[in-house]
Amino acid sequence: MPWLVAGDHVVASLEIADTHTSRRRGLIGRDGIEGALLLDPARSVHTIGMKFPIDVAHLDNDLVVLSVTTMKPGRLGRYHPHARKVIEAEAGMLHRWGIEPGVQLEIRG
């Protein structure tokens, strides 16, 4: 399983949704997620059909964090024209992991 790395620290296990079907499904219908989900490619997300609030980090093609927001279930997220990928995690986790705009992320494994 891949790992999400920030700086020198592994912050979470990482699921990767890189097909149309897996990106479309995302976290819909789940009760939660351990770790994070990378949607690649993606510029926006929604939480319609989700059972829990999520943190969303928009990333550029080099995995630099452009923005971080928290979304409640049943919402449409803002389109981020410079984003190429999106990380989703349970609400509060990105802050706990120190993921904020400007942070360089890495995927290992």
PDB file of N, CA and C in Angstrom:
ATOM      1  N   MET A   1       0.851  -1.186   0.000  1.00  0.00           N
ATOM      2  CA  MET A   1       0.000   0.000   0.000  1.00  0.00           C
ATOM      3  C   MET A   1       0.888   1.237   0.000  1.00  0.00           C
ATOM      4  N   PRO A   2       0.532   2.242  -0.793  1.00  0.00           N
ATOM      5  CA  PRO A   2       1.296   3.489  -0.799  1.00  0.00           C
ATOM      6  C   PRO A   2       1.120   4.259   0.514  1.00  0.00           C
ATOM      7  N   TRP A   3       2.064   5.162   0.754  1.00  0.00           N
ATOM      8  CA  TRP A   3       2.056   6.005   1.954  1.00  0.00           C
ATOM      9  C   TRP A   3       2.120   7.462   1.538  1.00  0.00           C
ATOM     10  N   LEU A   4       1.419   8.313   2.276  1.00  0.00           N
ATOM     11  CA  LEU A   4       1.481   9.750   2.080  1.00  0.00           C
ATOM     12  C   LEU A   4       2.547  10.294   3.010  1.00  0.00           C
ATOM     13  N   VAL A   5       3.494  11.035   2.441  1.00  0.00           N
ATOM     14  CA  VAL A   5       4.640  11.550   3.197  1.00  0.00           C
ATOM     15  C   VAL A   5       4.649  13.070   3.102  1.00  0.00           C
ATOM     16  N   ALA A   6       4.873  13.733   4.248  1.00  0.00           N
ATOM     17  CA  ALA A   6       5.039  15.184   4.313  1.00  0.00           C
ATOM     18  C   ALA A   6       6.370  15.441   5.003  1.00  0.00           C
ATOM     19  N   GLY A   7       7.296  16.069   4.292  1.00  0.00           N
ATOM     20  CA  GLY A   7       8.640  16.248   4.843  1.00  0.00           C
ATOM     21  C   GLY A   7       9.305  14.895   4.974  1.00  0.00           C
ATOM     22  N   ASP A   8       9.786  14.596   6.161  1.00  0.00           N
ATOM     23  CA  ASP A   8      10.418  13.307   6.429  1.00  0.00           C
ATOM     24  C   ASP A   8       9.490  12.346   7.145  1.00  0.00           C
ATOM     25  N   HIS A   9       8.198  12.703   7.251  1.00  0.00           N
ATOM     26  CA  HIS A   9       7.265  11.910   8.054  1.00  0.00           C
ATOM     27  C   HIS A   9       6.204  11.227   7.208  1.00  0.00           C
ATOM     28  N   VAL A  10       6.024   9.943   7.438  1.00  0.00           N
ATOM     29  CA  VAL A  10       4.885   9.236   6.858  1.00  0.00           C
ATOM     30  C   VAL A  10       3.671   9.659   7.675  1.00  0.00           C
ATOM     31  N   VAL A  11       2.681  10.248   7.010  1.00  0.00           N
ATOM     32  CA  VAL A  11       1.523  10.748   7.749  1.00  0.00           C
ATOM     33  C   VAL A  11       0.305   9.837   7.658  1.00  0.00           C
ATOM     34  N   ALA A  12       0.204   9.030   6.584  1.00  0.00           N
ATOM     35  CA  ALA A  12      -0.992   8.204   6.447  1.00  0.00           C
ATOM     36  C   ALA A  12      -0.813   7.156   5.357  1.00  0.00           C
ATOM     37  N   SER A  13      -1.578   6.076   5.498  1.00  0.00           N
ATOM     38  CA  SER A  13      -1.697   5.142   4.380  1.00  0.00           C
ATOM     39  C   SER A  13      -2.520   5.846   3.309  1.00  0.00           C
ATOM     40  N   LEU A  14      -2.342   5.434   2.062  1.00  0.00           N
ATOM     41  CA  LEU A  14      -2.965   6.156   0.961  1.00  0.00           C
ATOM     42  C   LEU A  14      -3.624   5.198  -0.019  1.00  0.00           C
ATOM     43  N   GLU A  15      -4.892   5.430  -0.273  1.00  0.00           N
ATOM     44  CA  GLU A  15      -5.592   4.741  -1.358  1.00  0.00           C
ATOM     45  C   GLU A  15      -5.524   5.666  -2.566  1.00  0.00           C
ATOM     46  N   ILE A  16      -5.402   5.092  -3.753  1.00  0.00           N
ATOM     47  CA  ILE A  16      -5.326   5.910  -4.961  1.00  0.00           C
ATOM     48  C   ILE A  16      -6.501   5.576  -5.873  1.00  0.00           C
ATOM     49  N   ALA A  17      -7.259   6.605  -6.222  1.00  0.00           N
ATOM     50  CA  ALA A  17      -8.372   6.479  -7.163  1.00  0.00           C
ATOM     51  C   ALA A  17      -7.927   7.150  -8.457  1.00  0.00           C
ATOM     52  N   ASP A  18      -7.517   6.325  -9.426  1.00  0.00           N
ATOM     53  CA  ASP A  18      -6.976   6.886 -10.665  1.00  0.00           C
ATOM     54  C   ASP A  18      -7.706   6.401 -11.919  1.00  0.00           C
ATOM     55  N   THR A  19      -8.879   5.809 -11.703  1.00  0.00           N
ATOM     56  CA  THR A  19      -9.743   5.471 -12.833  1.00  0.00           C
ATOM     57  C   THR A  19     -11.025   6.283 -12.701  1.00  0.00           C
ATOM     58  N   HIS A  20     -11.726   6.436 -13.807  1.00  0.00           N
ATOM     59  CA  HIS A  20     -12.980   7.204 -13.770  1.00  0.00           C
ATOM     60  C   HIS A  20     -13.936   6.634 -12.715  1.00  0.00           C
ATOM     61  N   THR A  21     -14.076   5.325 -12.684  1.00  0.00           N
ATOM     62  CA  THR A  21     -14.999   4.685 -11.745  1.00  0.00           C
ATOM     63  C   THR A  21     -14.568   4.885 -10.297  1.00  0.00           C
ATOM     64  N   SER A  22     -13.287   4.677 -10.010  1.00  0.00           N
ATOM     65  CA  SER A  22     -12.827   4.810  -8.617  1.00  0.00           C
ATOM     66  C   SER A  22     -12.875   6.263  -8.148  1.00  0.00           C
ATOM     67  N   ARG A  23     -12.598   7.221  -9.029  1.00  0.00           N
ATOM     68  CA  ARG A  23     -12.695   8.638  -8.653  1.00  0.00           C
ATOM     69  C   ARG A  23     -14.151   9.017  -8.408  1.00  0.00           C
ATOM     70  N   ARG A  24     -15.032   8.516  -9.247  1.00  0.00           N
ATOM     71  CA  ARG A  24     -16.463   8.838  -9.111  1.00  0.00           C
ATOM     72  C   ARG A  24     -17.027   8.289  -7.807  1.00  0.00           C
ATOM     73  N   ARG A  25     -16.598   7.094  -7.432  1.00  0.00           N
ATOM     74  CA  ARG A  25     -17.063   6.458  -6.195  1.00  0.00           C
ATOM     75  C   ARG A  25     -16.459   7.160  -4.981  1.00  0.00           C
ATOM     76  N   GLY A  26     -15.158   7.420  -5.015  1.00  0.00           N
ATOM     77  CA  GLY A  26     -14.495   8.114  -3.911  1.00  0.00           C
ATOM     78  C   GLY A  26     -14.830   7.510  -2.561  1.00  0.00           C
ATOM     79  N   LEU A  27     -15.314   8.341  -1.663  1.00  0.00           N
ATOM     80  CA  LEU A  27     -15.669   7.898  -0.307  1.00  0.00           C
ATOM     81  C   LEU A  27     -17.177   7.738  -0.115  1.00  0.00           C
ATOM     82  N   ILE A  28     -17.935   7.796  -1.202  1.00  0.00           N
ATOM     83  CA  ILE A  28     -19.399   7.695  -1.111  1.00  0.00           C
ATOM     84  C   ILE A  28     -19.794   6.336  -0.540  1.00  0.00           C
ATOM     85  N   GLY A  29     -20.681   6.379   0.452  1.00  0.00           N
ATOM     86  CA  GLY A  29     -21.214   5.164   1.046  1.00  0.00           C
ATOM     87  C   GLY A  29     -20.373   4.581   2.172  1.00  0.00           C
ATOM     88  N   ARG A  30     -19.183   5.102   2.374  1.00  0.00           N
ATOM     89  CA  ARG A  30     -18.334   4.590   3.459  1.00  0.00           C
ATOM     90  C   ARG A  30     -18.704   5.252   4.777  1.00  0.00           C
ATOM     91  N   ASP A  31     -18.338   4.575   5.862  1.00  0.00           N
ATOM     92  CA  ASP A  31     -18.553   5.134   7.197  1.00  0.00           C
ATOM     93  C   ASP A  31     -17.340   5.910   7.684  1.00  0.00           C
ATOM     94  N   GLY A  32     -16.235   5.839   6.973  1.00  0.00           N
ATOM     95  CA  GLY A  32     -15.012   6.535   7.342  1.00  0.00           C
ATOM     96  C   GLY A  32     -13.865   6.038   6.484  1.00  0.00           C
ATOM     97  N   ILE A  33     -12.680   6.546   6.760  1.00  0.00           N
ATOM     98  CA  ILE A  33     -11.483   6.102   6.055  1.00  0.00           C
ATOM     99  C   ILE A  33     -10.304   6.182   7.015  1.00  0.00           C
ATOM    100  N   GLU A  34      -9.509   5.135   6.997  1.00  0.00           N
ATOM    101  CA  GLU A  34      -8.246   5.181   7.728  1.00  0.00           C
ATOM    102  C   GLU A  34      -7.214   5.633   6.720  1.00  0.00           C
ATOM    103  N   GLY A  35      -6.528   6.691   7.000  1.00  0.00           N
ATOM    104  CA  GLY A  35      -5.582   7.226   6.046  1.00  0.00           C
ATOM    105  C   GLY A  35      -6.256   8.239   5.146  1.00  0.00           C
ATOM    106  N   ALA A  36      -5.856   8.232   3.863  1.00  0.00           N
ATOM    107  CA  ALA A  36      -6.348   9.236   2.929  1.00  0.00           C
ATOM    108  C   ALA A  36      -6.602   8.605   1.569  1.00  0.00           C
ATOM    109  N   LEU A  37      -7.320   9.351   0.733  1.00  0.00           N
ATOM    110  CA  LEU A  37      -7.634   8.933  -0.627  1.00  0.00           C
ATOM    111  C   LEU A  37      -7.109  10.002  -1.575  1.00  0.00           C
ATOM    112  N   LEU A  38      -6.324   9.603  -2.575  1.00  0.00           N
ATOM    113  CA  LEU A  38      -5.840  10.505  -3.611  1.00  0.00           C
ATOM    114  C   LEU A  38      -6.688  10.312  -4.859  1.00  0.00           C
ATOM    115  N   LEU A  39      -7.299  11.392  -5.339  1.00  0.00           N
ATOM    116  CA  LEU A  39      -8.043  11.385  -6.592  1.00  0.00           C
ATOM    117  C   LEU A  39      -7.138  11.997  -7.655  1.00  0.00           C
ATOM    118  N   ASP A  40      -6.848  11.222  -8.692  1.00  0.00           N
ATOM    119  CA  ASP A  40      -5.902  11.672  -9.712  1.00  0.00           C
ATOM    120  C   ASP A  40      -6.381  11.244 -11.089  1.00  0.00           C
ATOM    121  N   PRO A  41      -6.758  12.190 -11.947  1.00  0.00           N
ATOM    122  CA  PRO A  41      -6.745  13.636 -11.780  1.00  0.00           C
ATOM    123  C   PRO A  41      -8.050  14.127 -11.141  1.00  0.00           C
ATOM    124  N   ALA A  42      -7.999  15.321 -10.575  1.00  0.00           N
ATOM    125  CA  ALA A  42      -9.195  15.955 -10.000  1.00  0.00           C
ATOM    126  C   ALA A  42      -8.906  17.426  -9.735  1.00  0.00           C
ATOM    127  N   ARG A  43      -9.931  18.244  -9.921  1.00  0.00           N
ATOM    128  CA  ARG A  43      -9.836  19.682  -9.626  1.00  0.00           C
ATOM    129  C   ARG A  43     -10.915  20.137  -8.655  1.00  0.00           C
ATOM    130  N   SER A  44     -11.908  19.279  -8.444  1.00  0.00           N
ATOM    131  CA  SER A  44     -12.966  19.593  -7.487  1.00  0.00           C
ATOM    132  C   SER A  44     -13.565  18.283  -7.003  1.00  0.00           C
ATOM    133  N   VAL A  45     -14.294  18.356  -5.895  1.00  0.00           N
ATOM    134  CA  VAL A  45     -14.958  17.183  -5.335  1.00  0.00           C
ATOM    135  C   VAL A  45     -16.326  17.591  -4.804  1.00  0.00           C
ATOM    136  N   HIS A  46     -17.121  16.607  -4.475  1.00  0.00           N
ATOM    137  CA  HIS A  46     -18.403  16.846  -3.810  1.00  0.00           C
ATOM    138  C   HIS A  46     -18.535  15.842  -2.677  1.00  0.00           C
ATOM    139  N   THR A  47     -19.462  16.122  -1.769  1.00  0.00           N
ATOM    140  CA  THR A  47     -19.696  15.206  -0.651  1.00  0.00           C
ATOM    141  C   THR A  47     -21.139  14.697  -0.645  1.00  0.00           C
ATOM    142  N   ILE A  48     -21.787  14.751  -1.795  1.00  0.00           N
ATOM    143  CA  ILE A  48     -23.149  14.239  -1.919  1.00  0.00           C
ATOM    144  C   ILE A  48     -23.099  12.721  -1.793  1.00  0.00           C
ATOM    145  N   GLY A  49     -23.861  12.186  -0.856  1.00  0.00           N
ATOM    146  CA  GLY A  49     -23.876  10.752  -0.606  1.00  0.00           C
ATOM    147  C   GLY A  49     -22.874  10.298   0.442  1.00  0.00           C
ATOM    148  N   MET A  50     -22.099  11.226   0.996  1.00  0.00           N
ATOM    149  CA  MET A  50     -21.134  10.860   2.044  1.00  0.00           C
ATOM    150  C   MET A  50     -21.805  10.891   3.403  1.00  0.00           C
ATOM    151  N   LYS A  51     -21.258  10.091   4.313  1.00  0.00           N
ATOM    152  CA  LYS A  51     -21.831   9.960   5.647  1.00  0.00           C
ATOM    153  C   LYS A  51     -21.049  10.732   6.704  1.00  0.00           C
ATOM    154  N   PHE A  52     -19.939  11.356   6.323  1.00  0.00           N
ATOM    155  CA  PHE A  52     -19.100  12.038   7.306  1.00  0.00           C
ATOM    156  C   PHE A  52     -18.408  13.227   6.648  1.00  0.00           C
ATOM    157  N   PRO A  53     -18.031  14.249   7.428  1.00  0.00           N
ATOM    158  CA  PRO A  53     -17.311  15.390   6.861  1.00  0.00           C
ATOM    159  C   PRO A  53     -15.877  15.004   6.509  1.00  0.00           C
ATOM    160  N   ILE A  54     -15.333  15.679   5.496  1.00  0.00           N
ATOM    161  CA  ILE A  54     -13.977  15.368   5.048  1.00  0.00           C
ATOM    162  C   ILE A  54     -13.125  16.636   4.943  1.00  0.00           C
ATOM    163  N   ASP A  55     -11.828  16.440   5.041  1.00  0.00           N
ATOM    164  CA  ASP A  55     -10.855  17.459   4.669  1.00  0.00           C
ATOM    165  C   ASP A  55     -10.484  17.218   3.224  1.00  0.00           C
ATOM    166  N   VAL A  56     -10.270  18.299   2.491  1.00  0.00           N
ATOM    167  CA  VAL A  56      -9.901  18.232   1.085  1.00  0.00           C
ATOM    168  C   VAL A  56      -8.668  19.096   0.871  1.00  0.00           C
ATOM    169  N   ALA A  57      -7.631  18.521   0.265  1.00  0.00           N
ATOM    170  CA  ALA A  57      -6.442  19.278  -0.111  1.00  0.00           C
ATOM    171  C   ALA A  57      -6.310  19.229  -1.625  1.00  0.00           C
ATOM    172  N   HIS A  58      -6.298  20.392  -2.251  1.00  0.00           N
ATOM    173  CA  HIS A  58      -6.052  20.484  -3.689  1.00  0.00           C
ATOM    174  C   HIS A  58      -4.543  20.549  -3.895  1.00  0.00           C
ATOM    175  N   LEU A  59      -4.046  19.740  -4.850  1.00  0.00           N
ATOM    176  CA  LEU A  59      -2.610  19.652  -5.102  1.00  0.00           C
ATOM    177  C   LEU A  59      -2.306  20.007  -6.550  1.00  0.00           C
ATOM    178  N   ASP A  60      -1.101  20.556  -6.769  1.00  0.00           N
ATOM    179  CA  ASP A  60      -0.675  20.748  -8.156  1.00  0.00           C
ATOM    180  C   ASP A  60      -0.042  19.455  -8.657  1.00  0.00           C
ATOM    181  N   ASN A  61       0.484  19.468  -9.851  1.00  0.00           N
ATOM    182  CA  ASN A  61       1.030  18.259 -10.452  1.00  0.00           C
ATOM    183  C   ASN A  61       2.270  17.747  -9.723  1.00  0.00           C
ATOM    184  N   ASP A  62       2.948  18.630  -8.967  1.00  0.00           N
ATOM    185  CA  ASP A  62       4.140  18.249  -8.202  1.00  0.00           C
ATOM    186  C   ASP A  62       3.812  17.865  -6.763  1.00  0.00           C
ATOM    187  N   LEU A  63       2.525  17.750  -6.442  1.00  0.00           N
ATOM    188  CA  LEU A  63       2.034  17.384  -5.100  1.00  0.00           C
ATOM    189  C   LEU A  63       2.286  18.467  -4.053  1.00  0.00           C
ATOM    190  N   VAL A  64       2.322  19.721  -4.487  1.00  0.00           N
ATOM    191  CA  VAL A  64       2.378  20.845  -3.549  1.00  0.00           C
ATOM    192  C   VAL A  64       0.937  21.219  -3.214  1.00  0.00           C
ATOM    193  N   VAL A  65       0.647  21.377  -1.925  1.00  0.00           N
ATOM    194  CA  VAL A  65      -0.707  21.699  -1.473  1.00  0.00           C
ATOM    195  C   VAL A  65      -1.049  23.143  -1.847  1.00  0.00           C
ATOM    196  N   LEU A  66      -2.150  23.309  -2.578  1.00  0.00           N
ATOM    197  CA  LEU A  66      -2.615  24.635  -2.993  1.00  0.00           C
ATOM    198  C   LEU A  66      -3.648  25.206  -2.025  1.00  0.00           C
ATOM    199  N   SER A  67      -4.520  24.347  -1.505  1.00  0.00           N
ATOM    200  CA  SER A  67      -5.557  24.791  -0.566  1.00  0.00           C
ATOM    201  C   SER A  67      -6.029  23.603   0.254  1.00  0.00           C
ATOM    202  N   VAL A  68      -6.572  23.918   1.413  1.00  0.00           N
ATOM    203  CA  VAL A  68      -7.144  22.897   2.305  1.00  0.00           C
ATOM    204  C   VAL A  68      -8.475  23.433   2.807  1.00  0.00           C
ATOM    205  N   THR A  69      -9.484  22.583   2.787  1.00  0.00           N
ATOM    206  CA  THR A  69     -10.800  22.971   3.295  1.00  0.00           C
ATOM    207  C   THR A  69     -11.472  21.759   3.921  1.00  0.00           C
ATOM    208  N   THR A  70     -12.484  22.016   4.736  1.00  0.00           N
ATOM    209  CA  THR A  70     -13.302  20.952   5.319  1.00  0.00           C
ATOM    210  C   THR A  70     -14.695  21.060   4.724  1.00  0.00           C
ATOM    211  N   MET A  71     -15.247  19.921   4.330  1.00  0.00           N
ATOM    212  CA  MET A  71     -16.572  19.905   3.712  1.00  0.00           C
ATOM    213  C   MET A  71     -17.515  18.995   4.487  1.00  0.00           C
ATOM    214  N   LYS A  72     -18.711  19.492   4.744  1.00  0.00           N
ATOM    215  CA  LYS A  72     -19.768  18.678   5.338  1.00  0.00           C
ATOM    216  C   LYS A  72     -20.396  17.806   4.264  1.00  0.00           C
ATOM    217  N   PRO A  73     -21.063  16.729   4.654  1.00  0.00           N
ATOM    218  CA  PRO A  73     -21.776  15.903   3.662  1.00  0.00           C
ATOM    219  C   PRO A  73     -22.827  16.721   2.898  1.00  0.00           C
ATOM    220  N   GLY A  74     -23.050  16.340   1.650  1.00  0.00           N
ATOM    221  CA  GLY A  74     -24.094  16.967   0.847  1.00  0.00           C
ATOM    222  C   GLY A  74     -23.712  18.280   0.190  1.00  0.00           C
ATOM    223  N   ARG A  75     -22.428  18.546   0.042  1.00  0.00           N
ATOM    224  CA  ARG A  75     -21.973  19.818  -0.522  1.00  0.00           C
ATOM    225  C   ARG A  75     -21.254  19.625  -1.858  1.00  0.00           C
ATOM    226  N   LEU A  76     -21.251  20.684  -2.667  1.00  0.00           N
ATOM    227  CA  LEU A  76     -20.445  20.737  -3.879  1.00  0.00           C
ATOM    228  C   LEU A  76     -19.210  21.566  -3.569  1.00  0.00           C
ATOM    229  N   GLY A  77     -18.046  21.026  -3.875  1.00  0.00           N
ATOM    230  CA  GLY A  77     -16.807  21.749  -3.623  1.00  0.00           C
ATOM    231  C   GLY A  77     -16.503  22.740  -4.734  1.00  0.00           C
ATOM    232  N   ARG A  78     -15.634  23.692  -4.418  1.00  0.00           N
ATOM    233  CA  ARG A  78     -15.225  24.687  -5.400  1.00  0.00           C
ATOM    234  C   ARG A  78     -14.243  24.074  -6.392  1.00  0.00           C
ATOM    235  N   TYR A  79     -14.352  24.482  -7.615  1.00  0.00           N
ATOM    236  CA  TYR A  79     -13.432  24.092  -8.677  1.00  0.00           C
ATOM    237  C   TYR A  79     -12.131  24.855  -8.472  1.00  0.00           C
ATOM    238  N   HIS A  80     -11.009  24.169  -8.482  1.00  0.00           N
ATOM    239  CA  HIS A  80      -9.704  24.811  -8.319  1.00  0.00           C
ATOM    240  C   HIS A  80      -8.950  24.658  -9.639  1.00  0.00           C
ATOM    241  N   PRO A  81      -8.861  25.724 -10.441  1.00  0.00           N
ATOM    242  CA  PRO A  81      -8.303  25.603 -11.787  1.00  0.00           C
ATOM    243  C   PRO A  81      -6.847  25.158 -11.852  1.00  0.00           C
ATOM    244  N   HIS A  82      -6.072  25.403 -10.808  1.00  0.00           N
ATOM    245  CA  HIS A  82      -4.657  25.030 -10.816  1.00  0.00           C
ATOM    246  C   HIS A  82      -4.402  23.640 -10.231  1.00  0.00           C
ATOM    247  N   ALA A  83      -5.424  23.052  -9.636  1.00  0.00           N
ATOM    248  CA  ALA A  83      -5.267  21.722  -9.036  1.00  0.00           C
ATOM    249  C   ALA A  83      -5.210  20.653 -10.118  1.00  0.00           C
ATOM    250  N   ARG A  84      -4.471  19.612  -9.827  1.00  0.00           N
ATOM    251  CA  ARG A  84      -4.393  18.452 -10.711  1.00  0.00           C
ATOM    252  C   ARG A  84      -4.765  17.172  -9.986  1.00  0.00           C
ATOM    253  N   LYS A  85      -4.712  17.215  -8.650  1.00  0.00           N
ATOM    254  CA  LYS A  85      -5.026  16.061  -7.814  1.00  0.00           C
ATOM    255  C   LYS A  85      -5.703  16.566  -6.541  1.00  0.00           C
ATOM    256  N   VAL A  86      -6.405  15.658  -5.855  1.00  0.00           N
ATOM    257  CA  VAL A  86      -7.065  16.005  -4.596  1.00  0.00           C
ATOM    258  C   VAL A  86      -6.825  14.892  -3.592  1.00  0.00           C
ATOM    259  N   ILE A  87      -6.541  15.286  -2.357  1.00  0.00           N
ATOM    260  CA  ILE A  87      -6.456  14.346  -1.232  1.00  0.00           C
ATOM    261  C   ILE A  87      -7.706  14.538  -0.380  1.00  0.00           C
ATOM    262  N   GLU A  88      -8.351  13.420  -0.023  1.00  0.00           N
ATOM    263  CA  GLU A  88      -9.484  13.454   0.899  1.00  0.00           C
ATOM    264  C   GLU A  88      -9.137  12.630   2.136  1.00  0.00           C
ATOM    265  N   ALA A  89      -9.544  13.132   3.295  1.00  0.00           N
ATOM    266  CA  ALA A  89      -9.353  12.420   4.562  1.00  0.00           C
ATOM    267  C   ALA A  89     -10.482  12.834   5.504  1.00  0.00           C
ATOM    268  N   GLU A  90     -10.643  12.097   6.593  1.00  0.00           N
ATOM    269  CA  GLU A  90     -11.670  12.478   7.566  1.00  0.00           C
ATOM    270  C   GLU A  90     -11.376  13.876   8.091  1.00  0.00           C
ATOM    271  N   ALA A  91     -12.437  14.625   8.377  1.00  0.00           N
ATOM    272  CA  ALA A  91     -12.308  15.998   8.855  1.00  0.00           C
ATOM    273  C   ALA A  91     -11.378  16.079  10.062  1.00  0.00           C
ATOM    274  N   GLY A  92     -10.461  17.030  10.013  1.00  0.00           N
ATOM    275  CA  GLY A  92      -9.515  17.259  11.099  1.00  0.00           C
ATOM    276  C   GLY A  92      -8.171  16.589  10.906  1.00  0.00           C
ATOM    277  N   MET A  93      -8.119  15.604  10.028  1.00  0.00           N
ATOM    278  CA  MET A  93      -6.877  14.841   9.879  1.00  0.00           C
ATOM    279  C   MET A  93      -5.775  15.630   9.169  1.00  0.00           C
ATOM    280  N   LEU A  94      -6.103  16.406   8.147  1.00  0.00           N
ATOM    281  CA  LEU A  94      -5.052  17.145   7.447  1.00  0.00           C
ATOM    282  C   LEU A  94      -4.369  18.130   8.389  1.00  0.00           C
ATOM    283  N   HIS A  95      -5.135  18.800   9.222  1.00  0.00           N
ATOM    284  CA  HIS A  95      -4.546  19.703  10.220  1.00  0.00           C
ATOM    285  C   HIS A  95      -3.649  18.928  11.183  1.00  0.00           C
ATOM    286  N   ARG A  96      -4.136  17.799  11.656  1.00  0.00           N
ATOM    287  CA  ARG A  96      -3.361  16.961  12.581  1.00  0.00           C
ATOM    288  C   ARG A  96      -2.050  16.509  11.944  1.00  0.00           C
ATOM    289  N   TRP A  97      -2.073  16.227  10.629  1.00  0.00           N
ATOM    290  CA  TRP A  97      -0.882  15.770   9.923  1.00  0.00           C
ATOM    291  C   TRP A  97       0.034  16.905   9.491  1.00  0.00           C
ATOM    292  N   GLY A  98      -0.391  18.158   9.712  1.00  0.00           N
ATOM    293  CA  GLY A  98       0.431  19.299   9.321  1.00  0.00           C
ATOM    294  C   GLY A  98       0.371  19.625   7.836  1.00  0.00           C
ATOM    295  N   ILE A  99      -0.693  19.196   7.187  1.00  0.00           N
ATOM    296  CA  ILE A  99      -0.844  19.451   5.755  1.00  0.00           C
ATOM    297  C   ILE A  99      -1.609  20.759   5.576  1.00  0.00           C
ATOM    298  N   GLU A 100      -0.924  21.734   4.965  1.00  0.00           N
ATOM    299  CA  GLU A 100      -1.484  23.062   4.746  1.00  0.00           C
ATOM    300  C   GLU A 100      -0.922  23.601   3.434  1.00  0.00           C
ATOM    301  N   PRO A 101      -1.483  24.704   2.930  1.00  0.00           N
ATOM    302  CA  PRO A 101      -0.974  25.252   1.673  1.00  0.00           C
ATOM    303  C   PRO A 101       0.546  25.478   1.712  1.00  0.00           C
ATOM    304  N   GLY A 102       1.194  25.081   0.621  1.00  0.00           N
ATOM    305  CA  GLY A 102       2.635  25.228   0.500  1.00  0.00           C
ATOM    306  C   GLY A 102       3.421  23.992   0.850  1.00  0.00           C
ATOM    307  N   VAL A 103       2.809  23.033   1.538  1.00  0.00           N
ATOM    308  CA  VAL A 103       3.517  21.810   1.940  1.00  0.00           C
ATOM    309  C   VAL A 103       3.734  20.915   0.725  1.00  0.00           C
ATOM    310  N   GLN A 104       4.924  20.381   0.604  1.00  0.00           N
ATOM    311  CA  GLN A 104       5.272  19.441  -0.457  1.00  0.00           C
ATOM    312  C   GLN A 104       4.976  18.029   0.040  1.00  0.00           C
ATOM    313  N   LEU A 105       4.120  17.316  -0.665  1.00  0.00           N
ATOM    314  CA  LEU A 105       3.800  15.939  -0.318  1.00  0.00           C
ATOM    315  C   LEU A 105       4.553  14.983  -1.233  1.00  0.00           C
ATOM    316  N   GLU A 106       4.596  13.735  -0.814  1.00  0.00           N
ATOM    317  CA  GLU A 106       5.240  12.689  -1.598  1.00  0.00           C
ATOM    318  C   GLU A 106       4.454  11.401  -1.397  1.00  0.00           C
ATOM    319  N   ILE A 107       4.458  10.568  -2.413  1.00  0.00           N
ATOM    320  CA  ILE A 107       3.827   9.253  -2.311  1.00  0.00           C
ATOM    321  C   ILE A 107       4.945   8.226  -2.393  1.00  0.00           C
ATOM    322  N   ARG A 108       5.000   7.355  -1.398  1.00  0.00           N
ATOM    323  CA  ARG A 108       6.009   6.294  -1.376  1.00  0.00           C
ATOM    324  C   ARG A 108       5.322   4.954  -1.325  1.00  0.00           C
ATOM    325  N   GLY A 109       6.012   3.973  -1.917  1.00  0.00           N
ATOM    326  CA  GLY A 109       5.516   2.608  -1.809  1.00  0.00           C
ATOM    327  C   GLY A 109       4.773   2.115  -2.979  1.00  0.00           C
TER     328      GLY A 109
END
